Amino acid sequence: MYTVQSNGIPVNVFYPNLAAVLLGVLIAIGIIFKWQHVLFTQLKLLGLFAVLLLLASFLFPAQENVHRWLSVASFKFNISMLVLPVILFCLHAFLRSGHFLYAIFLFVSTGIILTVQPDAGQGTSFALAALILFAINKSNYPLLLGVFITSLMIIMLSWQRVDLLEPVDYVEEILYMTRGLGTVGYSALLVTAIFIFSPFLRMVSRQKNPLAIAYIIYLLSSFVVTEFGHYPVPLLGAGSAAVIGWYLMLGFTFKVQGR
């Protein structure tokens, strides 16, 4: 908010982020403490619902032939940033329980949708995180090889479909704007990175949590791809979806650890 104000942009563009923090805290608490038993039927329904939400982006008008948003009144939600943490959680749970067919369906269907949208940023991040999950959960060699090849196809096909969307300063260019503040900006980015990644790094260092590793790869990739295209900067850019998605990741990580 300080960054955009310093650049003459109204701070109210970040009000959705603030609202998402409050909602996200409640969601994370609900997942960790209220979702007592994760049933297989619940996982199937949750995974299916997440995929349908991703598909629902095609029901709304495209912007320069790009479908990435759900529109509610005047608000737009980048739906992949909201549902991919859920899909990765379901994918992890399917693999841990040996339900490989469900995991393959979830992985392939999500990859296809992200490629068609198209969303090279989220497609790349998802493919890498999913590949890590298949590898860590000791998938057999033929399956892992197939997932590796499919991941490469998702990434390559996504980047071949270049979108023509113009960047919005406080969404896609917020990293450049913050770095433009000099020492204050770089210091703020460092502190922010520590807060974003530290819960997941802690779970990896102490408990070797596979889902936490996948979320780290997903988050890191989501930041890196913004250097190669006009893709929303997660959490730092204006928009509520990525914020809620982060709290979903937090809730699912500690939920998995608590089982």
Protein backbone atom coordinates (compact mmCIF):
# COMPACT_ATOMS: atom_id res chain seq x y z
CA MET A 1 0.00 0.00 0.00
CA TYR A 2 2.91 2.32 0.74
CA THR A 3 4.44 1.45 -2.64
CA VAL A 4 1.37 2.31 -4.67
CA GLN A 5 0.75 5.45 -2.64
CA SER A 6 4.32 6.55 -3.40
CA ASN A 7 3.50 6.10 -7.10
CA GLY A 8 0.27 8.09 -7.00
CA ILE A 9 -2.07 5.09 -7.03
CA PRO A 10 -4.98 4.94 -4.54
CA VAL A 11 -4.34 2.52 -1.70
CA ASN A 12 -7.90 1.19 -1.95
CA VAL A 13 -6.75 -1.17 -4.72
CA PHE A 14 -5.38 -3.29 -1.85
CA TYR A 15 -8.56 -3.35 0.23
CA PRO A 16 -9.49 -6.78 -1.21
CA ASN A 17 -6.14 -8.08 0.06
CA LEU A 18 -6.93 -6.88 3.57
CA ALA A 19 -10.35 -8.48 3.49
CA ALA A 20 -8.76 -11.69 2.20
CA VAL A 21 -6.38 -11.76 5.19
CA LEU A 22 -9.32 -11.75 7.60
CA LEU A 23 -11.16 -14.41 5.63
CA GLY A 24 -7.99 -16.44 5.14
CA VAL A 25 -7.26 -16.60 8.86
CA LEU A 26 -10.73 -18.00 9.51
CA ILE A 27 -10.34 -20.54 6.70
CA ALA A 28 -6.94 -21.74 7.96
CA ILE A 29 -8.24 -22.10 11.52
CA GLY A 30 -11.27 -24.00 10.25
CA ILE A 31 -9.13 -26.42 8.23
CA ILE A 32 -6.65 -27.07 11.04
CA PHE A 33 -8.97 -27.33 14.03
CA LYS A 34 -12.47 -28.02 12.72
CA TRP A 35 -11.88 -30.50 9.89
CA GLN A 36 -11.33 -33.44 12.20
CA HIS A 37 -11.23 -36.37 9.78
CA VAL A 38 -10.33 -36.15 6.09
CA LEU A 39 -12.52 -38.74 4.39
CA PHE A 40 -11.79 -40.12 0.93
CA THR A 41 -15.26 -39.10 -0.28
CA GLN A 42 -14.59 -35.55 0.87
CA LEU A 43 -11.30 -35.51 -1.04
CA LYS A 44 -12.98 -36.67 -4.25
CA LEU A 45 -15.69 -34.02 -3.97
CA LEU A 46 -13.18 -31.31 -3.04
CA GLY A 47 -10.94 -32.15 -5.99
CA LEU A 48 -13.87 -32.26 -8.40
CA PHE A 49 -15.26 -28.97 -7.10
CA ALA A 50 -11.85 -27.30 -7.51
CA VAL A 51 -11.55 -28.50 -11.12
CA LEU A 52 -15.09 -27.30 -11.89
CA LEU A 53 -14.26 -23.88 -10.46
CA LEU A 54 -11.22 -23.75 -12.72
CA LEU A 55 -13.42 -24.69 -15.68
CA ALA A 56 -15.96 -22.03 -14.69
CA SER A 57 -13.52 -19.35 -15.86
CA PHE A 58 -14.65 -20.18 -19.42
CA LEU A 59 -18.20 -19.13 -18.57
CA PHE A 60 -17.12 -15.50 -18.27
CA PRO A 61 -16.07 -13.15 -21.09
CA ALA A 62 -12.43 -13.48 -22.10
CA GLN A 63 -9.91 -10.65 -22.03
CA GLU A 64 -7.73 -10.81 -25.16
CA ASN A 65 -8.75 -14.49 -25.50
CA VAL A 66 -7.60 -15.24 -21.95
CA HIS A 67 -9.87 -16.95 -19.39
CA ARG A 68 -8.48 -16.72 -15.86
CA TRP A 69 -11.14 -15.03 -13.79
CA LEU A 70 -14.47 -15.51 -12.11
CA SER A 71 -16.46 -12.30 -11.97
CA VAL A 72 -18.76 -11.45 -9.06
CA ALA A 73 -20.34 -8.02 -9.46
CA SER A 74 -17.37 -5.67 -9.99
CA PHE A 75 -14.84 -8.08 -8.46
CA LYS A 76 -12.68 -10.48 -10.42
CA PHE A 77 -10.97 -13.50 -8.89
CA ASN A 78 -7.94 -15.15 -10.43
CA ILE A 79 -9.41 -18.57 -9.89
CA SER A 80 -6.25 -20.65 -10.37
CA MET A 81 -4.50 -18.90 -7.48
CA LEU A 82 -7.47 -19.82 -5.31
CA VAL A 83 -8.00 -23.46 -6.28
CA LEU A 84 -4.51 -24.78 -7.11
CA PRO A 85 -3.55 -25.00 -3.40
CA VAL A 86 -6.68 -27.16 -2.93
CA ILE A 87 -5.86 -29.33 -5.94
CA LEU A 88 -2.28 -29.88 -4.75
CA PHE A 89 -3.59 -30.92 -1.33
CA CYS A 90 -6.01 -33.42 -2.89
CA LEU A 91 -3.26 -34.68 -5.20
CA HIS A 92 -0.98 -35.25 -2.22
CA ALA A 93 -3.72 -37.06 -0.29
CA PHE A 94 -4.56 -39.33 -3.25
CA LEU A 95 -0.91 -40.27 -3.71
CA ARG A 96 -0.36 -40.91 -0.01
CA SER A 97 -3.37 -43.22 0.11
CA GLY A 98 -2.41 -45.07 -3.10
CA HIS A 99 -5.30 -43.80 -5.24
CA PHE A 100 -3.13 -43.15 -8.28
CA LEU A 101 -5.92 -43.05 -10.87
CA TYR A 102 -7.62 -40.18 -9.05
CA ALA A 103 -4.26 -38.40 -8.75
CA ILE A 104 -3.54 -38.81 -12.47
CA PHE A 105 -6.99 -37.55 -13.47
CA LEU A 106 -6.66 -34.52 -11.20
CA PHE A 107 -3.16 -33.71 -12.46
CA VAL A 108 -3.92 -34.10 -16.18
CA SER A 109 -7.30 -32.31 -16.15
CA THR A 110 -5.88 -29.35 -14.22
CA GLY A 111 -2.89 -29.11 -16.54
CA ILE A 112 -5.10 -29.13 -19.63
CA ILE A 113 -7.35 -26.37 -18.28
CA LEU A 114 -4.39 -24.15 -17.36
CA THR A 115 -2.93 -24.66 -20.83
CA VAL A 116 -6.19 -23.78 -22.58
CA GLN A 117 -6.94 -20.72 -20.44
CA PRO A 118 -3.97 -20.00 -21.15
CA ASP A 119 -1.95 -19.33 -17.98
CA ALA A 120 1.73 -20.11 -18.45
CA GLY A 121 2.61 -18.75 -15.01
CA GLN A 122 0.23 -20.91 -13.00
CA GLY A 123 0.62 -23.81 -15.42
CA THR A 124 4.37 -23.87 -14.84
CA SER A 125 4.05 -23.52 -11.07
CA PHE A 126 1.43 -26.25 -10.83
CA ALA A 127 3.31 -28.68 -13.07
CA LEU A 128 6.52 -28.33 -11.05
CA ALA A 129 4.76 -28.66 -7.69
CA ALA A 130 2.76 -31.69 -8.86
CA LEU A 131 5.91 -33.35 -10.21
CA ILE A 132 7.53 -32.94 -6.79
CA LEU A 133 4.53 -34.58 -5.12
CA PHE A 134 4.63 -37.58 -7.45
CA ALA A 135 8.39 -37.94 -6.89
CA ILE A 136 8.35 -37.60 -3.09
CA ASN A 137 5.40 -39.94 -2.68
CA LYS A 138 7.49 -42.71 -4.27
CA SER A 139 5.47 -43.21 -7.44
CA ASN A 140 6.66 -46.14 -9.55
CA TYR A 141 9.13 -45.35 -12.33
CA PRO A 142 6.73 -45.61 -15.34
CA LEU A 143 4.22 -43.32 -13.60
CA LEU A 144 6.89 -40.81 -12.60
CA LEU A 145 8.27 -40.78 -16.14
CA GLY A 146 4.79 -40.16 -17.53
CA VAL A 147 4.19 -37.32 -15.06
CA PHE A 148 7.57 -35.81 -15.96
CA ILE A 149 6.77 -35.85 -19.69
CA THR A 150 3.26 -34.48 -19.06
CA SER A 151 4.68 -31.69 -16.89
CA LEU A 152 7.07 -30.70 -19.67
CA MET A 153 4.18 -30.67 -22.15
CA ILE A 154 2.06 -28.50 -19.86
CA ILE A 155 4.89 -26.00 -19.43
CA MET A 156 5.88 -25.93 -23.11
CA LEU A 157 2.33 -25.64 -24.45
CA SER A 158 1.48 -22.94 -21.90
CA TRP A 159 4.43 -20.77 -22.89
CA GLN A 160 3.73 -21.22 -26.59
CA ARG A 161 0.37 -19.51 -26.14
CA VAL A 162 1.47 -15.95 -25.46
CA ASP A 163 -1.33 -13.73 -24.15
CA LEU A 164 -1.67 -10.09 -25.15
CA LEU A 165 -2.84 -8.74 -21.80
CA GLU A 166 -1.34 -5.43 -20.76
CA PRO A 167 0.18 -5.43 -17.26
CA VAL A 168 -1.49 -3.56 -14.40
CA ASP A 169 1.13 -1.74 -12.31
CA TYR A 170 -0.17 -2.74 -8.89
CA VAL A 171 -0.81 -6.36 -9.92
CA GLU A 172 1.87 -7.55 -12.34
CA GLU A 173 4.51 -4.84 -11.84
CA ILE A 174 4.43 -4.46 -8.06
CA LEU A 175 7.90 -6.00 -7.60
CA TYR A 176 9.47 -3.40 -9.89
CA MET A 177 7.59 -0.63 -8.13
CA THR A 178 8.70 -1.82 -4.70
CA ARG A 179 12.33 -2.21 -5.77
CA GLY A 180 12.08 1.35 -7.08
CA LEU A 181 11.83 2.53 -3.46
CA GLY A 182 15.50 1.67 -2.97
CA THR A 183 16.79 0.24 0.29
CA VAL A 184 13.39 0.45 1.95
CA GLY A 185 11.81 -1.51 -0.87
CA TYR A 186 14.45 -4.24 -0.95
CA SER A 187 14.31 -4.59 2.84
CA ALA A 188 10.53 -4.88 2.74
CA LEU A 189 10.71 -7.56 0.05
CA LEU A 190 13.20 -9.56 2.11
CA VAL A 191 11.03 -9.40 5.24
CA THR A 192 7.96 -10.31 3.20
CA ALA A 193 9.71 -13.31 1.64
CA ILE A 194 10.66 -14.55 5.13
CA PHE A 195 7.06 -14.36 6.31
CA ILE A 196 5.69 -15.98 3.14
CA PHE A 197 7.99 -19.01 3.12
CA SER A 198 8.98 -19.54 6.76
CA PRO A 199 5.93 -21.63 7.87
CA PHE A 200 6.48 -24.10 5.03
CA LEU A 201 10.27 -24.17 5.44
CA ARG A 202 9.78 -24.89 9.13
CA MET A 203 7.55 -27.86 8.38
CA VAL A 204 10.08 -29.18 5.87
CA SER A 205 13.08 -28.83 8.19
CA ARG A 206 11.32 -30.37 11.19
CA GLN A 207 8.91 -32.89 9.70
CA LYS A 208 9.92 -33.45 6.04
CA ASN A 209 6.37 -32.54 5.01
CA PRO A 210 5.96 -33.36 1.26
CA LEU A 211 3.01 -31.00 0.82
CA ALA A 212 5.01 -28.13 2.33
CA ILE A 213 7.81 -28.81 -0.19
CA ALA A 214 5.30 -28.72 -3.06
CA TYR A 215 3.84 -25.45 -1.81
CA ILE A 216 7.33 -23.91 -1.58
CA ILE A 217 8.01 -24.90 -5.20
CA TYR A 218 4.59 -23.57 -6.25
CA LEU A 219 5.07 -20.22 -4.50
CA LEU A 220 8.66 -19.77 -5.63
CA SER A 221 7.75 -20.57 -9.23
CA SER A 222 4.79 -18.17 -9.10
CA PHE A 223 7.19 -15.36 -8.20
CA VAL A 224 9.89 -16.32 -10.71
CA VAL A 225 7.56 -16.49 -13.74
CA THR A 226 6.56 -12.86 -13.22
CA GLU A 227 10.04 -11.95 -14.48
CA PHE A 228 9.29 -13.60 -17.83
CA GLY A 229 5.77 -12.41 -18.54
CA HIS A 230 2.88 -10.25 -17.37
CA TYR A 231 1.63 -12.53 -14.62
CA PRO A 232 0.16 -11.46 -11.28
CA VAL A 233 2.65 -11.28 -8.43
CA PRO A 234 1.18 -13.52 -5.72
CA LEU A 235 0.36 -11.91 -2.36
CA LEU A 236 2.23 -8.66 -3.09
CA GLY A 237 0.08 -7.74 -6.07
CA ALA A 238 -3.43 -6.41 -5.62
CA GLY A 239 -6.00 -9.19 -5.56
CA SER A 240 -7.63 -11.41 -2.97
CA ALA A 241 -7.31 -14.84 -4.60
CA ALA A 242 -3.60 -15.37 -3.94
CA VAL A 243 -3.97 -14.23 -0.33
CA ILE A 244 -6.77 -16.70 0.38
CA GLY A 245 -4.76 -19.33 -1.49
CA TRP A 246 -1.78 -18.78 0.83
CA TYR A 247 -3.94 -19.31 3.90
CA LEU A 248 -5.36 -22.45 2.30
CA MET A 249 -1.80 -23.71 1.87
CA LEU A 250 -1.06 -22.88 5.48
CA GLY A 251 -4.15 -24.69 6.72
CA PHE A 252 -3.59 -27.78 4.57
CA THR A 253 0.10 -28.01 5.52
CA PHE A 254 -0.60 -28.04 9.23
CA LYS A 255 -3.65 -30.23 8.69
CA VAL A 256 -1.53 -32.89 6.99
CA GLN A 257 1.02 -32.65 9.77
CA GLY A 258 -1.65 -33.07 12.41
CA ARG A 259 -2.93 -36.37 11.00
